[in-house]
Protein backbone atom coordinates (compact mmCIF):
# COMPACT_ATOMS: atom_id res chain seq x y z
CA HIS A 1 0.00 0.00 0.00
CA ASP A 2 1.05 3.58 -0.61
CA TRP A 3 0.29 4.84 2.91
CA PRO A 4 1.65 8.16 4.11
CA ARG A 5 5.13 7.66 5.54
CA CYS A 6 4.13 8.45 9.09
CA CYS A 7 1.62 5.58 9.17
CA HIS A 8 4.62 3.27 9.08
CA ASP A 9 6.78 5.43 11.29
CA THR A 10 5.39 5.36 14.83
CA GLU A 11 7.91 7.87 16.17
CA SER A 12 6.92 10.39 13.51
CA MET A 13 3.24 9.87 14.28
CA ILE A 14 3.83 10.37 18.02
CA SER A 15 5.95 13.43 17.30
CA ASN A 16 3.20 14.91 15.11
CA ARG A 17 0.61 14.37 17.85
CA GLU A 18 2.88 15.80 20.58
CA SER A 19 3.49 18.93 18.54
CA GLU A 20 -0.19 19.83 18.62
CA SER A 21 -0.97 22.47 21.20
CA ALA A 22 -2.80 21.24 24.28
CA SER A 23 -5.62 23.72 23.67
CA SER A 24 -6.39 22.25 20.25
CA ARG A 25 -6.67 18.68 21.53
CA SER A 26 -10.16 17.24 21.63
CA HIS A 27 -11.82 15.49 24.51
CA TYR A 28 -10.97 12.17 22.87
CA GLU A 29 -7.23 12.81 23.04
CA ASN A 30 -7.36 13.91 26.67
CA ARG A 31 -9.28 10.86 27.94
CA GLU A 32 -7.35 8.00 29.50
CA ARG A 33 -8.21 4.53 28.20
CA GLN A 34 -8.82 2.23 31.13
CA PRO A 35 -8.14 -1.51 30.76
CA GLY A 36 -11.06 -3.92 30.98
CA PRO A 37 -14.61 -3.69 29.65
CA ARG A 38 -15.56 -0.43 28.01
CA ARG A 39 -17.89 1.74 30.04
CA HIS A 40 -20.33 3.86 28.11
CA GLN A 41 -20.70 7.51 28.91
CA PRO A 42 -24.12 8.98 29.64
CA ILE A 43 -26.01 9.73 26.43
CA TYR A 44 -26.07 13.46 27.16
CA ARG A 45 -22.26 13.50 27.00
CA SER A 46 -22.32 11.86 23.57
CA PHE A 47 -24.77 14.48 22.36
CA GLY A 48 -22.61 17.20 23.90
CA TYR A 49 -19.56 15.96 21.99
CA ALA A 50 -21.59 15.82 18.78
CA PHE A 51 -22.87 19.37 19.22
CA GLN A 52 -19.33 20.51 20.07
CA GLY A 53 -18.12 18.99 16.79
CA ILE A 54 -20.90 20.71 14.83
CA TRP A 55 -20.15 24.04 16.51
CA GLU A 56 -16.40 23.75 15.84
CA CYS A 57 -17.11 22.99 12.18
CA VAL A 58 -19.47 25.99 11.88
CA ARG A 59 -16.94 28.21 13.65
CA ASP A 60 -13.93 27.09 11.62
CA GLU A 61 -15.21 26.09 8.17
CA ARG A 62 -16.42 28.62 5.61
CA ASN A 63 -18.22 26.10 3.42
CA ILE A 64 -20.60 24.89 6.11
CA ARG A 65 -21.52 28.51 6.85
CA ILE A 66 -22.36 28.92 3.15
CA HIS A 67 -24.54 25.79 3.27
CA LEU A 68 -26.29 27.03 6.42
CA THR A 69 -26.92 30.43 4.83
CA MET A 70 -28.47 28.73 1.80
CA THR A 71 -30.55 26.57 4.15
CA ALA A 72 -31.88 29.69 5.89
CA LEU A 73 -32.69 31.34 2.53
CA VAL A 74 -34.54 28.23 1.34
CA ILE A 75 -36.52 28.12 4.60
CA ILE A 76 -37.48 31.79 4.24
CA GLY A 77 -38.38 31.24 0.57
CA GLY A 78 -40.40 28.14 1.45
CA ILE A 79 -42.40 30.06 4.05
CA ILE A 80 -43.05 33.00 1.72
CA LEU A 81 -43.94 30.79 -1.26
CA ARG A 82 -45.90 28.29 0.86
CA ILE A 83 -44.30 25.13 -0.45
CA SER A 84 -46.20 21.90 0.17
CA LEU A 85 -45.55 19.37 2.92
CA ASN A 86 -43.88 17.00 0.44
CA GLU A 87 -41.66 19.81 -0.82
CA TRP A 88 -40.67 20.63 2.80
CA ILE A 89 -39.79 17.00 3.38
CA ILE A 90 -37.61 16.97 0.26
CA CYS A 91 -35.89 20.20 1.35
CA LEU A 92 -35.27 18.87 4.88
CA ILE A 93 -33.73 15.67 3.51
CA LEU A 94 -31.48 17.72 1.23
CA PHE A 95 -30.48 20.06 4.09
CA GLY A 96 -29.52 17.06 6.21
CA LEU A 97 -27.64 15.39 3.36
CA VAL A 98 -25.52 18.39 2.38
CA ILE A 99 -24.75 19.53 5.92
CA SER A 100 -23.95 15.98 7.07
CA LEU A 101 -21.62 15.46 4.13
CA GLU A 102 -19.88 18.74 4.92
CA LEU A 103 -19.35 17.58 8.52
CA VAL A 104 -17.96 14.24 7.31
CA ASN A 105 -15.75 16.06 4.80
CA THR A 106 -14.34 18.23 7.58
CA ALA A 107 -13.74 15.16 9.77
CA GLY A 108 -11.95 13.42 6.89
CA GLU A 109 -9.78 16.45 6.16
CA SER A 110 -8.88 16.76 9.84
CA THR A 111 -7.99 13.07 10.00
CA VAL A 112 -5.75 13.33 6.94
CA ASP A 113 -4.07 16.39 8.45
CA LEU A 114 -3.55 14.50 11.71
CA VAL A 115 -1.87 11.60 9.93
CA THR A 116 0.37 13.58 7.61
CA GLU A 117 1.29 17.16 6.88
CA GLU A 118 3.23 16.15 3.79
CA LYS A 119 1.84 16.64 0.29
CA ARG A 120 0.90 13.06 -0.51
CA PRO A 121 -1.10 11.85 -3.53
CA LEU A 122 -3.38 9.66 -1.39
CA ALA A 123 -3.96 12.44 1.13
CA LYS A 124 -4.94 14.75 -1.74
CA LYS A 125 -7.18 12.07 -3.22
CA ALA A 126 -8.95 11.53 0.12
CA LYS A 127 -9.54 15.25 0.64
CA ASP A 128 -10.58 15.96 -2.96
CA THR A 129 -12.93 12.97 -3.10
CA ALA A 130 -14.68 13.96 0.13
CA ALA A 131 -15.04 17.53 -1.12
CA GLY A 132 -16.37 16.17 -4.40
CA ALA A 133 -19.08 14.23 -2.53
CA VAL A 134 -20.25 17.46 -0.90
CA LEU A 135 -20.19 19.25 -4.26
CA VAL A 136 -22.27 16.56 -5.99
CA ALA A 137 -24.87 16.65 -3.20
CA ALA A 138 -24.98 20.46 -3.24
CA ILE A 139 -25.39 20.60 -7.04
CA PHE A 140 -28.24 18.09 -7.00
CA ALA A 141 -29.84 19.88 -4.03
CA ALA A 142 -29.69 23.13 -6.00
CA ILE A 143 -31.25 21.49 -9.08
CA ILE A 144 -34.05 19.99 -6.99
CA GLY A 145 -34.51 23.35 -5.28
CA LEU A 146 -34.90 25.05 -8.65
CA ILE A 147 -37.46 22.44 -9.72
CA ILE A 148 -39.45 23.16 -6.55
CA PHE A 149 -39.05 26.93 -6.41
CA ILE A 150 -39.08 28.22 -10.00
CA PRO A 151 -42.79 27.43 -10.59
CA LYS A 152 -43.63 28.95 -7.18
CA ILE A 153 -41.67 32.11 -7.98
CA VAL A 154 -43.34 32.43 -11.39
CA ASP A 155 -46.80 32.04 -9.79
CA PHE A 156 -45.87 34.51 -7.04
CA PHE A 157 -45.15 37.28 -9.57
CA ARG A 158 -48.22 36.67 -11.76
């Protein structure tokens, strides 16, 4: 396999992790793994970590802010143009799809950056492919949005 060099070089991987500032480390890196059976955290903690991840993505990533802005505009347009229940359901599914893919894309990019800072063909492929998945979903969401909204806009101005 053509893995990044540091996947084979444990010392390099440890060095990369140690060079991260303590303030940028997540709760996962700061937790101690205890031997024996795994104990599950309370569900509210899991939700808290998930919301923290969403917030960090919104705070740090421009593209998810663009998707959220478009989501807000579609919601406002849907209210004004009184789209049907089925059209709302389609829009909600598309919102969830695009935003979820953007979160996964960010997680993938962060993971690649954690593993290697070198310019590697497989690292580039992983990042570009994940970004491409978001782009495909966003393009199809926009097309579906136009199919829903153009007739409503035309009727609105008649």
